[in-house]
């Protein structure tokens, strides 16, 4: 998967929100937020952090000036029912710093102003991310971010989820895959009390479609 690209802008389109970046003789179509596209000029040299989105019928590159914005984009698409185009719409409407503020402070009506984002999706966004975003150190370090009051100590389940998410991300799984897998796992009783190695094996079975039933899950781990 592509993670970063550097090259020359040879084409850009407001209609498609894309720029074509020439790199080593190959032109890559990169989808950009409104703000990023506006500050990307023809024949200029650019550097983009890339999120590669793969579907059965498409291979789409999303570009960002900063790694922090790319990570925010990946967090957004981990929300149930929120795809990459909608995430890009949110970033285009609000910009990363303002969007984080809106989510943390649960300003649902303002979030919903973005194209393709209704009230229900905005509510889900704040429900799933308001506390999580407030705990991330790299977000707290971003300029103009006023943090809401959040607990200083993670719950045991939160800590286990973060550790598993980090491990599975390093193994190449997407944020969306990981979230769905962990949501299924933590519906079971006392899953968070298992050893980390057992939980990781369980998550790998779940994410590859080989999970066993909840009635014999714990007995299958050795």
C-alpha atoms as a PDB file:
ATOM      1  CA  UNK A   1       0.000   0.000   0.000  1.00  0.00           C
ATOM      2  CA  UNK A   2       1.136   3.528  -0.703  1.00  0.00           C
ATOM      3  CA  UNK A   3       1.743   5.592   2.442  1.00  0.00           C
ATOM      4  CA  UNK A   4       3.508   8.692   1.144  1.00  0.00           C
ATOM      5  CA  UNK A   5       4.098  10.336  -2.210  1.00  0.00           C
ATOM      6  CA  UNK A   6       6.282  13.195  -3.448  1.00  0.00           C
ATOM      7  CA  UNK A   7       6.101  14.632  -6.934  1.00  0.00           C
ATOM      8  CA  UNK A   8       4.855  17.322  -9.314  1.00  0.00           C
ATOM      9  CA  UNK A   9       1.205  18.333  -9.724  1.00  0.00           C
ATOM     10  CA  UNK A  10       0.352  18.005 -13.416  1.00  0.00           C
ATOM     11  CA  UNK A  11      -3.439  18.271 -13.133  1.00  0.00           C
ATOM     12  CA  UNK A  12      -6.130  19.226 -10.613  1.00  0.00           C
ATOM     13  CA  UNK A  13      -9.917  19.249 -10.687  1.00  0.00           C
ATOM     14  CA  UNK A  14     -12.313  21.047  -8.360  1.00  0.00           C
ATOM     15  CA  UNK A  15     -15.186  18.898  -9.666  1.00  0.00           C
ATOM     16  CA  UNK A  16     -13.588  15.617  -8.609  1.00  0.00           C
ATOM     17  CA  UNK A  17     -11.493  17.044  -5.728  1.00  0.00           C
ATOM     18  CA  UNK A  18      -8.470  15.300  -7.188  1.00  0.00           C
ATOM     19  CA  UNK A  19      -4.953  16.177  -8.244  1.00  0.00           C
ATOM     20  CA  UNK A  20      -2.665  14.101 -10.438  1.00  0.00           C
ATOM     21  CA  UNK A  21       0.829  13.832  -8.964  1.00  0.00           C
ATOM     22  CA  UNK A  22       3.666  12.769 -11.289  1.00  0.00           C
ATOM     23  CA  UNK A  23       6.132  10.574  -9.409  1.00  0.00           C
ATOM     24  CA  UNK A  24       8.910   8.606 -11.149  1.00  0.00           C
ATOM     25  CA  UNK A  25       7.093   8.777 -14.460  1.00  0.00           C
ATOM     26  CA  UNK A  26       3.742   7.629 -13.056  1.00  0.00           C
ATOM     27  CA  UNK A  27       0.759   9.926 -12.507  1.00  0.00           C
ATOM     28  CA  UNK A  28      -1.231   9.157  -9.365  1.00  0.00           C
ATOM     29  CA  UNK A  29      -4.789  10.461  -8.909  1.00  0.00           C
ATOM     30  CA  UNK A  30      -5.062  11.682  -5.322  1.00  0.00           C
ATOM     31  CA  UNK A  31      -8.346  12.709  -3.682  1.00  0.00           C
ATOM     32  CA  UNK A  32      -7.935  15.788  -1.486  1.00  0.00           C
ATOM     33  CA  UNK A  33     -10.004  17.847   0.927  1.00  0.00           C
ATOM     34  CA  UNK A  34     -11.222  21.243  -0.277  1.00  0.00           C
ATOM     35  CA  UNK A  35      -8.591  23.122   1.745  1.00  0.00           C
ATOM     36  CA  UNK A  36      -5.744  20.911   0.560  1.00  0.00           C
ATOM     37  CA  UNK A  37      -6.842  21.145  -3.079  1.00  0.00           C
ATOM     38  CA  UNK A  38      -7.072  24.947  -2.883  1.00  0.00           C
ATOM     39  CA  UNK A  39      -3.478  25.216  -1.678  1.00  0.00           C
ATOM     40  CA  UNK A  40      -2.177  22.705  -4.246  1.00  0.00           C
ATOM     41  CA  UNK A  41      -1.003  24.473  -7.386  1.00  0.00           C
ATOM     42  CA  UNK A  42      -0.268  23.199 -10.890  1.00  0.00           C
ATOM     43  CA  UNK A  43       3.404  22.441 -11.609  1.00  0.00           C
ATOM     44  CA  UNK A  44       4.274  22.687  -7.901  1.00  0.00           C
ATOM     45  CA  UNK A  45       6.196  20.043  -5.976  1.00  0.00           C
ATOM     46  CA  UNK A  46       4.084  18.420  -3.284  1.00  0.00           C
ATOM     47  CA  UNK A  47       4.383  15.828  -0.536  1.00  0.00           C
ATOM     48  CA  UNK A  48       1.276  13.948   0.564  1.00  0.00           C
ATOM     49  CA  UNK A  49       0.680  11.387   3.285  1.00  0.00           C
ATOM     50  CA  UNK A  50      -1.477   8.759   1.592  1.00  0.00           C
ATOM     51  CA  UNK A  51      -4.316   6.554   2.775  1.00  0.00           C
ATOM     52  CA  UNK A  52      -4.975   3.774   0.248  1.00  0.00           C
ATOM     53  CA  UNK A  53      -8.601   2.696   0.054  1.00  0.00           C
ATOM     54  CA  UNK A  54      -9.204  -0.584  -1.760  1.00  0.00           C
ATOM     55  CA  UNK A  55     -12.591  -1.840  -2.932  1.00  0.00           C
ATOM     56  CA  UNK A  56     -13.520  -4.591  -5.349  1.00  0.00           C
ATOM     57  CA  UNK A  57     -14.141  -2.002  -8.069  1.00  0.00           C
ATOM     58  CA  UNK A  58     -11.741   0.794  -7.114  1.00  0.00           C
ATOM     59  CA  UNK A  59      -8.293   1.668  -5.787  1.00  0.00           C
ATOM     60  CA  UNK A  60      -8.469   5.201  -4.362  1.00  0.00           C
ATOM     61  CA  UNK A  61      -5.691   7.344  -2.898  1.00  0.00           C
ATOM     62  CA  UNK A  62      -6.532  10.018  -0.321  1.00  0.00           C
ATOM     63  CA  UNK A  63      -3.849  12.641   0.300  1.00  0.00           C
ATOM     64  CA  UNK A  64      -3.032  14.821   3.315  1.00  0.00           C
ATOM     65  CA  UNK A  65      -0.391  17.447   4.034  1.00  0.00           C
ATOM     66  CA  UNK A  66       0.231  16.087   7.542  1.00  0.00           C
ATOM     67  CA  UNK A  67       0.417  12.642   9.059  1.00  0.00           C
ATOM     68  CA  UNK A  68      -1.875  13.843  11.871  1.00  0.00           C
ATOM     69  CA  UNK A  69      -4.664  14.648   9.404  1.00  0.00           C
ATOM     70  CA  UNK A  70      -4.203  11.231   7.794  1.00  0.00           C
ATOM     71  CA  UNK A  71      -4.549   9.560  11.198  1.00  0.00           C
ATOM     72  CA  UNK A  72      -7.685  11.609  11.913  1.00  0.00           C
ATOM     73  CA  UNK A  73      -9.127  10.479   8.564  1.00  0.00           C
ATOM     74  CA  UNK A  74      -8.483   6.841   9.512  1.00  0.00           C
ATOM     75  CA  UNK A  75     -10.188   7.346  12.862  1.00  0.00           C
ATOM     76  CA  UNK A  76     -13.216   8.838  11.106  1.00  0.00           C
ATOM     77  CA  UNK A  77     -13.645   5.929   8.688  1.00  0.00           C
ATOM     78  CA  UNK A  78     -13.575   3.567  11.654  1.00  0.00           C
ATOM     79  CA  UNK A  79     -16.977   4.947  12.695  1.00  0.00           C
ATOM     80  CA  UNK A  80     -19.826   2.658  11.699  1.00  0.00           C
ATOM     81  CA  UNK A  81     -21.540   3.897   8.536  1.00  0.00           C
ATOM     82  CA  UNK A  82     -18.938   6.556   7.759  1.00  0.00           C
ATOM     83  CA  UNK A  83     -17.020   5.936   4.521  1.00  0.00           C
ATOM     84  CA  UNK A  84     -13.947   7.692   3.096  1.00  0.00           C
ATOM     85  CA  UNK A  85     -15.912  10.117   0.920  1.00  0.00           C
ATOM     86  CA  UNK A  86     -17.928  11.277   3.915  1.00  0.00           C
ATOM     87  CA  UNK A  87     -14.769  11.577   6.022  1.00  0.00           C
ATOM     88  CA  UNK A  88     -13.226  13.745   3.307  1.00  0.00           C
ATOM     89  CA  UNK A  89     -16.426  15.821   3.213  1.00  0.00           C
ATOM     90  CA  UNK A  90     -16.125  16.437   6.968  1.00  0.00           C
ATOM     91  CA  UNK A  91     -12.509  17.538   6.610  1.00  0.00           C
ATOM     92  CA  UNK A  92     -13.420  19.745   3.638  1.00  0.00           C
ATOM     93  CA  UNK A  93     -16.251  21.454   5.498  1.00  0.00           C
ATOM     94  CA  UNK A  94     -14.554  22.003   8.844  1.00  0.00           C
ATOM     95  CA  UNK A  95     -10.800  21.373   8.571  1.00  0.00           C
ATOM     96  CA  UNK A  96      -9.076  18.942  10.985  1.00  0.00           C
ATOM     97  CA  UNK A  97      -8.642  21.241  14.017  1.00  0.00           C
ATOM     98  CA  UNK A  98     -12.211  22.569  13.965  1.00  0.00           C
ATOM     99  CA  UNK A  99     -13.665  19.116  13.316  1.00  0.00           C
ATOM    100  CA  UNK A 100     -11.862  17.707  16.360  1.00  0.00           C
ATOM    101  CA  UNK A 101     -13.259  20.550  18.463  1.00  0.00           C
ATOM    102  CA  UNK A 102     -16.783  19.931  17.208  1.00  0.00           C
ATOM    103  CA  UNK A 103     -16.562  16.206  17.968  1.00  0.00           C
ATOM    104  CA  UNK A 104     -15.009  16.613  21.424  1.00  0.00           C
ATOM    105  CA  UNK A 105     -17.582  19.221  22.436  1.00  0.00           C
ATOM    106  CA  UNK A 106     -20.437  17.266  20.767  1.00  0.00           C
ATOM    107  CA  UNK A 107     -21.647  20.105  18.551  1.00  0.00           C
ATOM    108  CA  UNK A 108     -23.862  17.833  16.467  1.00  0.00           C
ATOM    109  CA  UNK A 109     -25.718  20.418  14.386  1.00  0.00           C
ATOM    110  CA  UNK A 110     -22.469  21.978  13.162  1.00  0.00           C
ATOM    111  CA  UNK A 111     -20.932  18.606  12.330  1.00  0.00           C
ATOM    112  CA  UNK A 112     -24.029  17.756  10.288  1.00  0.00           C
ATOM    113  CA  UNK A 113     -23.458  20.771   8.016  1.00  0.00           C
ATOM    114  CA  UNK A 114     -20.978  18.739   5.963  1.00  0.00           C
ATOM    115  CA  UNK A 115     -22.312  17.217   2.742  1.00  0.00           C
ATOM    116  CA  UNK A 116     -23.588  13.673   3.240  1.00  0.00           C
ATOM    117  CA  UNK A 117     -23.636  13.935   7.035  1.00  0.00           C
ATOM    118  CA  UNK A 118     -27.038  13.888   8.701  1.00  0.00           C
ATOM    119  CA  UNK A 119     -27.939  14.352  12.342  1.00  0.00           C
ATOM    120  CA  UNK A 120     -27.906  10.609  13.111  1.00  0.00           C
ATOM    121  CA  UNK A 121     -24.414  10.137  11.690  1.00  0.00           C
ATOM    122  CA  UNK A 122     -23.184  13.244  13.528  1.00  0.00           C
ATOM    123  CA  UNK A 123     -24.599  11.852  16.776  1.00  0.00           C
ATOM    124  CA  UNK A 124     -22.878   8.508  16.174  1.00  0.00           C
ATOM    125  CA  UNK A 125     -19.632  10.324  15.410  1.00  0.00           C
ATOM    126  CA  UNK A 126     -19.645  12.175  18.729  1.00  0.00           C
ATOM    127  CA  UNK A 127     -20.783   9.103  20.644  1.00  0.00           C
ATOM    128  CA  UNK A 128     -17.928   6.954  19.351  1.00  0.00           C
ATOM    129  CA  UNK A 129     -15.143   9.528  19.157  1.00  0.00           C
ATOM    130  CA  UNK A 130     -15.634  12.421  21.602  1.00  0.00           C
ATOM    131  CA  UNK A 131     -13.867  10.684  24.490  1.00  0.00           C
ATOM    132  CA  UNK A 132     -11.348   8.828  22.306  1.00  0.00           C
ATOM    133  CA  UNK A 133     -10.116  11.974  20.546  1.00  0.00           C
ATOM    134  CA  UNK A 134      -9.723  13.763  23.854  1.00  0.00           C
ATOM    135  CA  UNK A 135      -7.271  11.092  25.038  1.00  0.00           C
ATOM    136  CA  UNK A 136      -4.925  11.034  22.029  1.00  0.00           C
ATOM    137  CA  UNK A 137      -1.645  12.811  22.718  1.00  0.00           C
ATOM    138  CA  UNK A 138      -0.972  13.811  19.101  1.00  0.00           C
ATOM    139  CA  UNK A 139      -4.352  15.543  18.935  1.00  0.00           C
ATOM    140  CA  UNK A 140      -3.742  17.377  22.188  1.00  0.00           C
ATOM    141  CA  UNK A 141      -0.505  18.712  20.663  1.00  0.00           C
ATOM    142  CA  UNK A 142      -2.277  20.143  17.595  1.00  0.00           C
ATOM    143  CA  UNK A 143      -2.626  23.957  17.513  1.00  0.00           C
ATOM    144  CA  UNK A 144      -5.946  25.559  18.478  1.00  0.00           C
ATOM    145  CA  UNK A 145      -7.309  22.402  20.079  1.00  0.00           C
ATOM    146  CA  UNK A 146      -9.134  23.110  23.332  1.00  0.00           C
ATOM    147  CA  UNK A 147      -9.613  19.822  25.088  1.00  0.00           C
ATOM    148  CA  UNK A 148     -12.809  18.897  26.890  1.00  0.00           C
ATOM    149  CA  UNK A 149     -12.538  17.475  30.385  1.00  0.00           C
ATOM    150  CA  UNK A 150     -11.879  13.754  30.055  1.00  0.00           C
ATOM    151  CA  UNK A 151     -10.884  11.088  32.582  1.00  0.00           C
ATOM    152  CA  UNK A 152      -7.142  10.817  33.152  1.00  0.00           C
ATOM    153  CA  UNK A 153      -7.259   7.055  33.656  1.00  0.00           C
ATOM    154  CA  UNK A 154      -8.375   4.579  30.992  1.00  0.00           C
ATOM    155  CA  UNK A 155     -10.738   1.808  31.983  1.00  0.00           C
ATOM    156  CA  UNK A 156      -9.318  -1.701  31.776  1.00  0.00           C
ATOM    157  CA  UNK A 157     -11.348  -2.397  28.633  1.00  0.00           C
ATOM    158  CA  UNK A 158     -10.202   0.864  26.995  1.00  0.00           C
ATOM    159  CA  UNK A 159      -6.567   0.021  27.675  1.00  0.00           C
ATOM    160  CA  UNK A 160      -6.918  -3.515  26.320  1.00  0.00           C
ATOM    161  CA  UNK A 161      -8.684  -2.183  23.205  1.00  0.00           C
ATOM    162  CA  UNK A 162      -5.918   0.355  22.601  1.00  0.00           C
ATOM    163  CA  UNK A 163      -3.204  -2.297  22.982  1.00  0.00           C
ATOM    164  CA  UNK A 164      -4.998  -4.694  20.629  1.00  0.00           C
ATOM    165  CA  UNK A 165      -5.690  -1.933  18.105  1.00  0.00           C
ATOM    166  CA  UNK A 166      -2.014  -0.984  18.069  1.00  0.00           C
ATOM    167  CA  UNK A 167      -0.912  -4.602  17.578  1.00  0.00           C
ATOM    168  CA  UNK A 168      -3.434  -5.302  14.814  1.00  0.00           C
ATOM    169  CA  UNK A 169      -2.636  -2.031  13.041  1.00  0.00           C
ATOM    170  CA  UNK A 170       1.039  -3.008  12.988  1.00  0.00           C
ATOM    171  CA  UNK A 171      -0.026  -6.310  11.383  1.00  0.00           C
ATOM    172  CA  UNK A 172      -1.646  -4.384   8.534  1.00  0.00           C
ATOM    173  CA  UNK A 173      -5.355  -4.533   9.392  1.00  0.00           C
ATOM    174  CA  UNK A 174      -7.574  -1.495   8.797  1.00  0.00           C
ATOM    175  CA  UNK A 175      -9.143   0.619  11.535  1.00  0.00           C
ATOM    176  CA  UNK A 176     -12.619  -0.463  10.396  1.00  0.00           C
ATOM    177  CA  UNK A 177     -11.770  -4.187  10.498  1.00  0.00           C
ATOM    178  CA  UNK A 178     -10.205  -3.847  13.932  1.00  0.00           C
ATOM    179  CA  UNK A 179     -13.123  -1.937  15.441  1.00  0.00           C
ATOM    180  CA  UNK A 180     -15.735  -4.413  14.215  1.00  0.00           C
ATOM    181  CA  UNK A 181     -13.646  -7.337  15.467  1.00  0.00           C
ATOM    182  CA  UNK A 182     -13.104  -5.864  18.938  1.00  0.00           C
ATOM    183  CA  UNK A 183     -16.755  -4.832  19.242  1.00  0.00           C
ATOM    184  CA  UNK A 184     -17.759  -8.453  18.650  1.00  0.00           C
ATOM    185  CA  UNK A 185     -15.173  -9.754  21.095  1.00  0.00           C
ATOM    186  CA  UNK A 186     -16.060  -7.415  23.928  1.00  0.00           C
ATOM    187  CA  UNK A 187     -19.741  -8.351  23.792  1.00  0.00           C
ATOM    188  CA  UNK A 188     -18.658 -11.576  25.477  1.00  0.00           C
ATOM    189  CA  UNK A 189     -18.423 -11.705  29.247  1.00  0.00           C
ATOM    190  CA  UNK A 190     -15.046 -11.123  30.928  1.00  0.00           C
ATOM    191  CA  UNK A 191     -13.113 -11.087  27.658  1.00  0.00           C
ATOM    192  CA  UNK A 192     -10.967  -8.216  28.974  1.00  0.00           C
ATOM    193  CA  UNK A 193      -9.766 -10.457  31.835  1.00  0.00           C
ATOM    194  CA  UNK A 194      -7.928 -12.821  29.482  1.00  0.00           C
ATOM    195  CA  UNK A 195      -4.187 -12.491  28.904  1.00  0.00           C
ATOM    196  CA  UNK A 196      -3.159 -10.128  26.093  1.00  0.00           C
ATOM    197  CA  UNK A 197      -1.617 -12.943  24.025  1.00  0.00           C
ATOM    198  CA  UNK A 198      -4.873 -14.910  24.212  1.00  0.00           C
ATOM    199  CA  UNK A 199      -6.901 -11.860  23.233  1.00  0.00           C
ATOM    200  CA  UNK A 200      -4.623 -11.193  20.278  1.00  0.00           C
ATOM    201  CA  UNK A 201      -4.997 -14.778  19.034  1.00  0.00           C
ATOM    202  CA  UNK A 202      -8.753 -14.488  19.471  1.00  0.00           C
ATOM    203  CA  UNK A 203      -8.810 -11.213  17.514  1.00  0.00           C
ATOM    204  CA  UNK A 204      -6.781 -12.723  14.681  1.00  0.00           C
ATOM    205  CA  UNK A 205      -9.232 -15.628  14.428  1.00  0.00           C
ATOM    206  CA  UNK A 206     -12.187 -13.235  14.440  1.00  0.00           C
ATOM    207  CA  UNK A 207     -10.729 -10.877  11.857  1.00  0.00           C
ATOM    208  CA  UNK A 208      -9.890 -13.738   9.483  1.00  0.00           C
ATOM    209  CA  UNK A 209     -13.377 -15.194   9.805  1.00  0.00           C
ATOM    210  CA  UNK A 210     -12.258 -18.206  11.813  1.00  0.00           C
ATOM    211  CA  UNK A 211     -13.692 -17.150  15.175  1.00  0.00           C
ATOM    212  CA  UNK A 212     -15.295 -19.867  17.264  1.00  0.00           C
ATOM    213  CA  UNK A 213     -18.533 -19.593  19.167  1.00  0.00           C
ATOM    214  CA  UNK A 214     -18.678 -17.662  22.427  1.00  0.00           C
ATOM    215  CA  UNK A 215     -19.545 -20.842  24.353  1.00  0.00           C
ATOM    216  CA  UNK A 216     -16.155 -22.459  23.744  1.00  0.00           C
ATOM    217  CA  UNK A 217     -13.986 -19.442  22.952  1.00  0.00           C
ATOM    218  CA  UNK A 218     -12.104 -19.356  26.246  1.00  0.00           C
ATOM    219  CA  UNK A 219     -11.517 -23.115  26.357  1.00  0.00           C
ATOM    220  CA  UNK A 220      -9.930 -23.026  22.905  1.00  0.00           C
ATOM    221  CA  UNK A 221      -7.133 -20.712  24.030  1.00  0.00           C
ATOM    222  CA  UNK A 222      -4.026 -22.305  25.452  1.00  0.00           C
END
